[in-house]
Protein backbone atom coordinates (compact mmCIF):
# COMPACT_ATOMS: atom_id res chain seq x y z
CA UNK A 1 131.26 111.52 115.73
CA UNK A 2 128.22 110.17 114.65
CA UNK A 3 125.34 112.53 113.35
CA UNK A 4 122.57 113.78 115.94
CA UNK A 5 118.96 112.49 114.73
CA UNK A 6 115.55 114.44 115.01
CA UNK A 7 112.40 112.20 114.20
CA UNK A 8 109.19 113.60 112.41
CA UNK A 9 106.57 111.29 113.77
CA UNK A 10 102.57 112.17 112.79
CA UNK A 11 99.31 111.50 114.46
CA UNK A 12 98.17 109.52 111.28
CA UNK A 13 98.86 109.24 107.73
CA UNK A 14 98.86 112.14 105.38
CA UNK A 15 99.50 114.84 108.13
CA UNK A 16 102.53 116.05 106.18
CA UNK A 17 105.36 114.21 107.86
CA UNK A 18 107.25 113.90 104.16
CA UNK A 19 107.09 117.48 103.32
CA UNK A 20 108.03 118.64 106.99
CA UNK A 21 111.13 116.19 106.81
CA UNK A 22 112.16 117.66 103.48
CA UNK A 23 111.83 121.27 104.87
CA UNK A 24 113.91 120.12 107.85
CA UNK A 25 116.66 118.89 105.44
CA UNK A 26 116.66 122.34 103.55
CA UNK A 27 116.52 124.38 106.40
CA UNK A 28 119.50 122.49 108.17
CA UNK A 29 121.54 122.40 104.75
CA UNK A 30 121.17 126.05 104.43
CA UNK A 31 122.39 126.42 107.87
CA UNK A 32 125.58 124.71 106.79
CA UNK A 33 125.15 121.12 108.22
CA UNK A 34 125.65 118.08 106.19
CA UNK A 35 121.90 116.45 106.63
CA UNK A 36 120.39 113.24 105.14
CA UNK A 37 116.98 111.97 105.53
CA UNK A 38 116.01 108.45 106.79
CA UNK A 39 112.98 106.05 106.63
CA UNK A 40 113.27 102.70 107.85
CA UNK A 41 110.47 101.20 106.06
CA UNK A 42 108.25 103.24 103.31
CA UNK A 43 105.08 101.76 101.83
CA UNK A 44 104.64 103.23 98.19
CA UNK A 45 104.24 102.40 94.61
CA UNK A 46 106.21 105.55 94.01
CA UNK A 47 109.80 104.42 93.52
CA UNK A 48 113.23 105.57 92.16
CA UNK A 49 116.41 103.99 90.85
CA UNK A 50 119.43 104.84 92.08
CA UNK A 51 122.66 105.25 89.98
CA UNK A 52 123.74 101.75 91.46
CA UNK A 53 120.45 100.21 90.07
CA UNK A 54 118.84 99.83 93.38
CA UNK A 55 115.10 100.73 94.47
CA UNK A 56 114.21 103.11 96.99
CA UNK A 57 110.78 105.14 97.92
CA UNK A 58 110.57 108.63 95.80
CA UNK A 59 109.78 110.60 99.14
CA UNK A 60 113.45 109.78 100.47
CA UNK A 61 114.50 110.71 97.05
CA UNK A 62 112.78 114.17 97.53
CA UNK A 63 114.30 114.68 100.90
CA UNK A 64 117.95 114.00 99.68
CA UNK A 65 117.25 116.39 96.89
CA UNK A 66 116.25 119.09 99.55
CA UNK A 67 119.32 118.25 101.54
CA UNK A 68 121.46 118.57 98.42
CA UNK A 69 122.68 114.90 98.91
CA UNK A 70 122.79 112.13 96.38
CA UNK A 71 119.76 109.75 96.99
CA UNK A 72 120.93 106.17 98.55
CA UNK A 73 119.04 103.16 99.53
CA UNK A 74 120.51 103.62 102.89
CA UNK A 75 117.93 106.42 103.34
CA UNK A 76 115.22 103.88 103.09
CA UNK A 77 116.22 100.30 103.65
CA UNK A 78 112.99 99.06 103.43
CA UNK A 79 110.43 99.53 100.80
CA UNK A 80 106.97 97.84 100.53
CA UNK A 81 105.29 98.05 97.20
CA UNK A 82 101.60 96.97 97.75
CA UNK A 83 100.47 94.30 94.96
CA UNK A 84 97.21 93.49 96.53
CA UNK A 85 95.02 94.83 99.38
CA UNK A 86 96.81 92.22 101.64
CA UNK A 87 100.32 91.73 100.25
CA UNK A 88 103.33 93.64 99.11
CA UNK A 89 106.48 93.06 97.21
CA UNK A 90 109.12 93.55 99.83
CA UNK A 91 112.23 95.32 98.65
CA UNK A 92 115.24 95.37 101.24
CA UNK A 93 118.30 97.59 100.62
CA UNK A 94 116.95 98.09 96.94
CA UNK A 95 116.70 94.68 96.10
CA UNK A 96 113.20 92.51 95.91
CA UNK A 97 112.88 89.51 98.33
CA UNK A 98 109.56 88.66 96.63
CA UNK A 99 106.19 89.15 97.53
CA UNK A 100 104.74 88.73 101.06
CA UNK A 101 101.29 88.76 102.66
CA UNK A 102 100.68 91.27 105.57
CA UNK A 103 100.72 88.37 107.92
CA UNK A 104 103.91 87.04 106.64
CA UNK A 105 105.66 90.16 106.63
CA UNK A 106 104.54 91.10 110.30
CA UNK A 107 106.40 87.85 111.34
CA UNK A 108 109.30 88.49 109.21
CA UNK A 109 110.06 92.20 109.56
CA UNK A 110 111.91 91.97 112.85
CA UNK A 111 114.60 90.13 111.36
CA UNK A 112 115.37 93.32 109.08
CA UNK A 113 116.28 95.24 112.11
CA UNK A 114 120.12 94.78 111.22
CA UNK A 115 119.58 96.04 107.96
CA UNK A 116 117.89 99.17 109.29
CA UNK A 117 120.41 99.90 112.06
CA UNK A 118 123.29 99.13 109.49
CA UNK A 119 122.03 101.64 106.91
CA UNK A 120 121.42 104.08 109.88
CA UNK A 121 124.82 103.61 111.31
CA UNK A 122 126.36 104.03 107.93
CA UNK A 123 124.61 107.65 107.07
CA UNK A 124 125.35 108.60 110.72
CA UNK A 125 129.02 108.18 110.17
CA UNK A 126 128.63 110.47 106.95
CA UNK A 127 126.65 113.44 108.33
CA UNK A 128 126.00 115.81 110.97
CA UNK A 129 122.11 115.27 111.21
CA UNK A 130 119.88 112.83 110.06
CA UNK A 131 116.18 113.38 109.76
CA UNK A 132 113.95 110.57 110.50
CA UNK A 133 110.58 110.16 108.98
CA UNK A 134 108.04 108.00 110.90
CA UNK A 135 104.95 105.98 109.17
CA UNK A 136 101.40 106.37 109.96
CA UNK A 137 100.72 106.76 113.47
CA UNK A 138 103.12 105.59 116.47
CA UNK A 139 100.05 104.83 118.56
CA UNK A 140 98.80 101.81 116.51
CA UNK A 141 98.25 99.75 119.47
CA UNK A 142 98.01 96.40 117.44
CA UNK A 143 101.19 96.96 115.96
CA UNK A 144 103.58 98.86 118.50
CA UNK A 145 104.97 95.53 119.74
CA UNK A 146 107.17 94.76 116.81
CA UNK A 147 107.34 98.34 115.62
CA UNK A 148 110.60 99.35 113.36
CA UNK A 149 109.74 102.66 111.85
CA UNK A 150 108.02 104.87 114.64
CA UNK A 151 108.83 104.57 118.22
CA UNK A 152 110.44 101.47 118.11
CA UNK A 153 113.02 103.06 115.52
CA UNK A 154 113.25 106.13 117.82
CA UNK A 155 114.37 103.86 120.75
CA UNK A 156 116.92 101.96 118.28
CA UNK A 157 118.53 105.09 117.43
CA UNK A 158 117.91 107.37 120.43
CA UNK A 159 116.03 110.00 118.36
CA UNK A 160 113.96 112.77 119.83
CA UNK A 161 110.58 113.16 118.35
CA UNK A 162 108.40 115.83 116.81
CA UNK A 163 104.86 115.08 116.82
CA UNK A 164 102.64 116.11 113.85
CA UNK A 165 99.00 116.87 113.75
CA UNK A 166 97.13 117.87 110.87
CA UNK A 167 94.54 120.74 111.69
CA UNK A 168 93.20 120.82 107.94
CA UNK A 169 91.33 117.60 108.52
CA UNK A 170 90.10 118.82 111.93
CA UNK A 171 90.30 117.53 115.61
CA UNK A 172 94.17 118.52 115.73
CA UNK A 173 94.10 118.64 119.59
CA UNK A 174 92.60 115.25 119.94
CA UNK A 175 94.87 114.05 117.64
CA UNK A 176 97.82 115.12 119.61
CA UNK A 177 96.66 114.32 122.87
CA UNK A 178 95.04 111.10 121.91
CA UNK A 179 98.25 109.95 120.67
CA UNK A 180 100.55 110.91 123.17
CA UNK A 181 98.15 109.09 125.52
CA UNK A 182 98.37 105.88 124.00
CA UNK A 183 102.15 105.94 124.23
CA UNK A 184 103.98 104.05 126.96
CA UNK A 185 106.15 106.12 129.55
CA UNK A 186 109.67 105.52 127.73
CA UNK A 187 107.83 106.57 124.20
CA UNK A 188 106.27 109.63 125.80
CA UNK A 189 109.88 110.72 126.98
CA UNK A 190 111.04 110.82 123.34
CA UNK A 191 108.23 113.32 122.42
CA UNK A 192 109.87 116.62 122.75
CA UNK A 193 107.68 119.19 121.06
CA UNK A 194 104.26 118.99 118.85
CA UNK A 195 103.81 120.77 115.41
CA UNK A 196 100.39 121.72 114.13
CA UNK A 197 100.44 121.43 110.37
CA UNK A 198 98.42 122.61 107.39
CA UNK A 199 96.82 125.69 109.06
CA UNK A 200 94.85 128.31 107.42
CA UNK A 201 93.74 131.62 109.23
CA UNK A 202 94.70 133.76 112.27
CA UNK A 203 97.21 131.84 114.38
CA UNK A 204 96.39 133.95 117.53
CA UNK A 205 92.85 132.00 117.62
CA UNK A 206 94.81 128.93 118.35
CA UNK A 207 96.59 130.45 121.49
CA UNK A 208 94.12 129.15 124.22
CA UNK A 209 94.15 125.51 122.49
CA UNK A 210 97.86 125.61 122.30
CA UNK A 211 98.26 126.52 126.25
CA UNK A 212 95.78 123.55 127.09
CA UNK A 213 97.52 121.23 124.80
CA UNK A 214 100.89 122.05 126.67
CA UNK A 215 99.25 121.36 130.05
CA UNK A 216 97.80 118.14 128.93
CA UNK A 217 101.01 116.58 126.88
CA UNK A 218 103.81 118.37 128.97
CA UNK A 219 105.73 119.43 125.81
CA UNK A 220 105.84 122.92 123.95
CA UNK A 221 104.09 123.31 120.68
CA UNK A 222 107.27 124.07 118.10
CA UNK A 223 105.21 125.73 115.75
CA UNK A 224 101.99 126.25 113.46
CA UNK A 225 103.06 125.50 110.28
CA UNK A 226 100.53 127.08 107.49
CA UNK A 227 99.20 125.31 104.65
CA UNK A 228 101.97 125.24 102.24
CA UNK A 229 101.67 125.75 97.99
CA UNK A 230 104.99 124.65 97.27
CA UNK A 231 105.18 122.37 94.21
CA UNK A 232 106.93 119.34 95.74
CA UNK A 233 106.20 115.74 94.77
CA UNK A 234 104.30 114.13 97.63
CA UNK A 235 102.91 110.39 98.60
CA UNK A 236 100.86 108.16 96.67
CA UNK A 237 97.03 108.25 96.96
CA UNK A 238 96.78 110.87 99.71
CA UNK A 239 98.01 113.58 96.97
CA UNK A 240 95.84 116.21 95.94
CA UNK A 241 97.46 115.68 92.51
CA UNK A 242 95.24 112.59 92.21
CA UNK A 243 92.29 114.88 92.48
CA UNK A 244 90.82 115.87 89.15
CA UNK A 245 90.33 119.55 88.33
CA UNK A 246 88.54 121.38 85.73
CA UNK A 247 89.58 121.49 82.01
CA UNK A 248 91.93 124.13 79.98
CA UNK A 249 92.75 124.71 76.66
CA UNK A 250 94.86 121.32 76.41
CA UNK A 251 93.14 118.64 78.42
CA UNK A 252 95.36 115.74 79.32
CA UNK A 253 93.53 112.59 81.09
CA UNK A 254 95.64 110.21 83.11
CA UNK A 255 93.83 106.91 84.09
CA UNK A 256 93.98 106.29 87.62
CA UNK A 257 94.48 102.77 88.09
CA UNK A 258 93.93 100.90 91.36
CA UNK A 259 97.76 100.06 91.68
CA UNK A 260 99.13 103.20 89.85
CA UNK A 261 102.51 103.79 90.54
CA UNK A 262 105.04 106.80 89.78
CA UNK A 263 102.27 109.19 89.01
CA UNK A 264 104.94 111.77 89.50
CA UNK A 265 106.09 111.19 85.96
CA UNK A 266 103.38 113.33 84.57
CA UNK A 267 104.05 116.29 86.96
CA UNK A 268 105.71 118.39 84.45
CA UNK A 269 102.52 118.75 82.47
CA UNK A 270 100.76 120.43 85.56
CA UNK A 271 103.29 123.42 85.12
CA UNK A 272 101.78 124.58 82.12
CA UNK A 273 99.14 127.16 82.68
CA UNK A 274 97.07 126.26 79.90
CA UNK A 275 97.13 122.29 80.55
CA UNK A 276 95.00 120.52 82.76
CA UNK A 277 96.06 117.12 84.22
CA UNK A 278 93.39 115.19 85.19
CA UNK A 279 93.26 112.06 86.98
CA UNK A 280 90.16 109.68 85.87
CA UNK A 281 88.63 106.48 86.97
CA UNK A 282 85.29 105.75 84.99
CA UNK A 283 84.33 106.55 81.84
CA UNK A 284 82.07 109.35 82.54
CA UNK A 285 85.14 111.18 83.69
CA UNK A 286 87.19 110.67 80.51
CA UNK A 287 85.44 113.21 78.35
CA UNK A 288 87.23 114.07 75.01
CA UNK A 289 90.71 114.80 76.32
CA UNK A 290 93.60 115.78 73.82
CA UNK A 291 95.95 113.14 75.22
CA UNK A 292 95.25 110.03 77.20
CA UNK A 293 97.91 108.54 79.44
CA UNK A 294 98.07 104.82 81.01
CA UNK A 295 100.51 105.01 83.75
CA UNK A 296 102.47 102.54 85.50
CA UNK A 297 101.27 100.11 88.02
CA UNK A 298 102.38 97.65 90.82
CA UNK A 299 99.71 94.72 89.53
CA UNK A 300 99.52 94.92 85.59
CA UNK A 301 97.37 92.04 84.94
CA UNK A 302 95.03 92.95 87.59
CA UNK A 303 94.78 96.51 86.47
CA UNK A 304 94.35 95.51 83.13
CA UNK A 305 91.34 93.78 83.85
CA UNK A 306 89.78 96.55 85.96
CA UNK A 307 90.42 98.63 82.93
CA UNK A 308 88.31 96.14 80.84
CA UNK A 309 85.74 95.43 83.44
CA UNK A 310 85.12 99.40 84.38
CA UNK A 311 84.55 100.23 80.67
CA UNK A 312 87.69 102.51 80.27
CA UNK A 313 89.28 100.13 77.96
CA UNK A 314 86.47 100.49 75.39
CA UNK A 315 86.26 103.92 75.75
CA UNK A 316 90.13 104.76 75.16
CA UNK A 317 89.91 102.47 72.30
CA UNK A 318 86.94 104.55 70.80
CA UNK A 319 88.86 107.71 71.42
CA UNK A 320 91.95 106.57 69.82
CA UNK A 321 90.04 105.28 66.76
CA UNK A 322 88.96 108.81 66.24
CA UNK A 323 92.46 110.15 66.49
CA UNK A 324 93.18 110.96 70.29
CA UNK A 325 96.69 110.03 70.92
CA UNK A 326 97.31 107.44 73.81
CA UNK A 327 100.74 107.37 75.62
CA UNK A 328 101.48 104.31 78.11
CA UNK A 329 104.52 104.55 80.68
CA UNK A 330 105.77 101.11 81.81
CA UNK A 331 102.89 98.96 83.13
CA UNK A 332 100.77 101.42 80.89
CA UNK A 333 102.83 100.32 77.88
CA UNK A 334 102.45 96.83 78.87
CA UNK A 335 98.80 97.15 78.82
CA UNK A 336 98.91 98.70 75.45
CA UNK A 337 100.53 95.70 73.87
CA UNK A 338 99.06 92.62 72.51
CA UNK A 339 99.27 90.19 75.22
CA UNK A 340 100.64 90.09 79.31
CA UNK A 341 101.68 86.83 80.69
CA UNK A 342 102.97 86.08 84.14
CA UNK A 343 104.24 82.22 84.18
CA UNK A 344 106.16 82.68 87.49
CA UNK A 345 103.60 84.60 89.36
CA UNK A 346 106.04 87.32 89.63
CA UNK A 347 102.92 89.69 89.94
CA UNK A 348 100.45 87.21 91.01
CA UNK A 349 100.28 85.06 87.83
CA UNK A 350 97.89 85.07 84.97
CA UNK A 351 97.83 85.55 81.28
CA UNK A 352 95.58 88.30 79.60
CA UNK A 353 94.94 89.92 76.19
CA UNK A 354 96.28 93.53 76.25
CA UNK A 355 94.69 96.51 74.69
CA UNK A 356 96.54 95.79 71.01
CA UNK A 357 97.44 99.52 70.37
CA UNK A 358 101.23 98.46 70.18
CA UNK A 359 103.15 95.42 68.92
CA UNK A 360 104.77 93.17 71.32
CA UNK A 361 104.08 90.48 74.24
CA UNK A 362 105.15 91.01 77.95
CA UNK A 363 106.40 88.26 79.55
CA UNK A 364 107.11 88.50 83.38
CA UNK A 365 109.81 86.78 85.19
CA UNK A 366 111.21 87.06 88.79
CA UNK A 367 114.19 89.23 87.64
CA UNK A 368 113.41 92.94 87.93
CA UNK A 369 114.79 95.46 85.57
CA UNK A 370 116.36 98.31 87.66
CA UNK A 371 118.62 100.94 85.91
CA UNK A 372 119.32 104.72 85.11
CA UNK A 373 118.93 105.33 81.51
CA UNK A 374 119.66 108.19 79.11
CA UNK A 375 120.13 108.61 75.25
CA UNK A 376 118.53 109.84 72.06
CA UNK A 377 114.63 109.05 71.20
CA UNK A 378 114.53 107.25 67.90
CA UNK A 379 112.54 108.34 65.18
CA UNK A 380 108.72 108.26 65.90
CA UNK A 381 105.90 109.01 63.80
CA UNK A 382 102.45 110.81 64.28
CA UNK A 383 101.47 113.62 66.22
CA UNK A 384 104.48 113.19 68.43
CA UNK A 385 107.20 113.23 65.88
CA UNK A 386 108.88 116.05 67.14
CA UNK A 387 110.25 113.73 69.77
CA UNK A 388 112.36 112.30 67.04
CA UNK A 389 115.87 113.11 67.88
CA UNK A 390 115.40 114.38 71.57
CA UNK A 391 117.69 113.76 74.65
CA UNK A 392 115.96 111.68 77.32
CA UNK A 393 117.03 110.68 80.93
CA UNK A 394 115.33 108.63 83.64
CA UNK A 395 114.84 105.18 84.90
CA UNK A 396 113.67 101.77 84.28
CA UNK A 397 111.96 99.55 86.96
CA UNK A 398 109.57 96.65 85.83
CA UNK A 399 109.16 92.95 86.04
CA UNK A 400 108.46 92.23 82.57
CA UNK A 401 110.14 92.10 79.39
CA UNK A 402 108.61 93.24 76.19
CA UNK A 403 109.55 91.95 72.80
CA UNK A 404 110.30 95.10 70.63
CA UNK A 405 110.86 97.39 73.50
CA UNK A 406 114.55 98.09 72.74
CA UNK A 407 113.83 101.86 71.83
CA UNK A 408 113.15 104.56 74.51
CA UNK A 409 109.78 105.28 72.80
CA UNK A 410 107.61 102.72 70.79
CA UNK A 411 105.23 103.96 68.39
CA UNK A 412 102.26 102.45 65.99
CA UNK A 413 99.21 104.61 64.78
CA UNK A 414 98.85 107.19 67.34
CA UNK A 415 99.86 104.98 70.02
CA UNK A 416 103.04 105.39 72.15
CA UNK A 417 104.70 103.39 74.84
CA UNK A 418 108.04 103.81 76.98
CA UNK A 419 109.54 102.29 79.78
CA UNK A 420 111.28 105.24 80.91
CA UNK A 421 109.93 106.83 84.25
CA UNK A 422 111.02 110.61 84.20
CA UNK A 423 111.18 110.92 80.53
CA UNK A 424 108.96 114.16 80.73
CA UNK A 425 111.00 115.75 83.33
CA UNK A 426 113.30 116.89 80.14
CA UNK A 427 111.80 120.20 79.44
CA UNK A 428 112.53 119.64 75.40
CA UNK A 429 110.26 116.19 75.77
CA UNK A 430 107.59 117.72 77.56
CA UNK A 431 107.51 120.96 75.49
CA UNK A 432 107.61 118.73 72.45
CA UNK A 433 104.53 116.75 73.46
CA UNK A 434 102.22 119.98 74.80
CA UNK A 435 103.35 121.68 71.42
CA UNK A 436 102.11 119.12 69.23
CA UNK A 437 98.68 118.83 71.09
CA UNK A 438 98.52 122.73 70.76
CA UNK A 439 99.23 122.54 67.18
CA UNK A 440 96.68 119.61 66.53
CA UNK A 441 93.97 121.88 68.47
CA UNK A 442 94.92 125.39 66.98
CA UNK A 443 95.89 126.82 70.49
CA UNK A 444 98.93 129.08 70.76
CA UNK A 445 101.95 127.04 72.59
CA UNK A 446 103.74 129.15 74.84
CA UNK A 447 106.71 127.69 76.81
CA UNK A 448 107.44 131.06 78.54
CA UNK A 449 111.26 131.45 78.84
CA UNK A 450 111.93 127.59 78.94
CA UNK A 451 111.37 125.51 81.87
CA UNK A 452 114.36 124.34 83.74
CA UNK A 453 113.10 121.38 85.96
CA UNK A 454 116.07 121.23 88.51
CA UNK A 455 115.92 125.03 88.85
CA UNK A 456 112.29 125.01 89.52
CA UNK A 457 112.69 122.42 92.08
CA UNK A 458 115.45 124.39 94.25
CA UNK A 459 112.90 127.36 93.97
CA UNK A 460 110.13 125.11 95.49
CA UNK A 461 112.77 123.63 97.98
CA UNK A 462 113.75 126.99 99.04
CA UNK A 463 110.03 128.22 99.32
CA UNK A 464 109.08 125.32 101.19
CA UNK A 465 112.01 125.99 103.73
CA UNK A 466 111.12 129.84 103.87
CA UNK A 467 107.91 128.88 105.17
CA UNK A 468 108.66 126.30 107.56
CA UNK A 469 111.51 128.41 108.93
CA UNK A 470 109.11 131.23 109.88
CA UNK A 471 106.49 128.98 111.19
CA UNK A 472 108.66 126.79 113.57
CA UNK A 473 110.79 127.74 116.71
CA UNK A 474 113.90 127.07 115.20
CA UNK A 475 115.88 127.71 118.74
CA UNK A 476 113.90 125.19 120.09
CA UNK A 477 114.39 122.65 117.04
CA UNK A 478 118.28 122.88 117.51
CA UNK A 479 117.79 122.63 121.22
CA UNK A 480 115.90 119.13 120.71
CA UNK A 481 118.57 118.07 118.22
CA UNK A 482 121.42 119.09 120.57
CA UNK A 483 120.01 117.50 123.66
CA UNK A 484 118.66 114.43 121.96
CA UNK A 485 116.47 111.68 123.34
């Protein structure tokens, strides 16, 4: 018997679809169901490599973790990784099919429907419930005719829909009513309930509005979900994590590159009470941090040019010359080397000098490195010498090959580089970095009772599920799942 679906669509991007889908995955798992997430098409530079060496969006990885199932590319058959404002690398079933302009992809995407339905059907044969996440808004009237991720997908797999609005941005009733009004009659029939998300305050004040909304759209409100503070990785540029906060005893500055990718690599540092993790876009924001991190990027040469023209490169080099350590991850590591060359136009072409902080030349080619990796960090010098001999695990995902990059961490004169995403998720690795910074600054290092990343993540999923379960009419949700579209 195939799984029953339920789909979370939103009135716009950033309304909280990903976290609500994760919450439903955990709630259904807690209630004894085998559940899997699904998003037919995701646009994100935050990606993950499965054990098979295939690439998928991290949002569905998070949802799979909430459901306590192994992440699979079946859960995200199409991933678009923006390379420019008008183009993306197209990943299908975990493998790149090259870069396409938005116009070319719009013409191409209907040919991917068999990949979508095959992935969905395979999951549906293995689970009891599929929690589907839409993308953006289902009411983009210029895109609806070839939709494969919102109502188009809901009709393909016969899924009922929960329509989510974001009250934190204001105008939530207009969001919900306007969206439903722009749907076709058969699409409206799929919307079984609305959900108001990110609420702060006294929910009783909303009662008159909820009553009027029901009269206008003809479906009940399944719940008013409070603004949740569960610490769970979220999506790309809409993330609050990318907003710089105040500075603490230990100050870590991450360069917010235009095409930043996998910024969640640095989330572990935000969990130390005495560490500030700031994302900076211009020299005036950089200040005098204790550590500078250059993150991954989907457009290494383009972002290297931006780093240079923005003045951040010279600011970083000046701080480094005064003793500030610099750590680059993936594309950030490539930028720190002596040169970057893209003769085959794998990421748009070009050739540019790097920052020269680390040895090696990076040459791009069409073949992408995709693999999970683990091992022992070799001997490194400088402030982070305590990393030597520690175990690491993570994954590599990059187009370029850098000579001399065989070691997990490359070091020269206070500069460090790695291709390993997730290397700081190991508590020993993160502790070693933060402890070294504390020692240099004369700040007491307090790791508490030891940080267990996996246990912490489980606690946050449980917290999210508890808050969302209390806010939703779960009896109604289960009726919607059971009755279907």
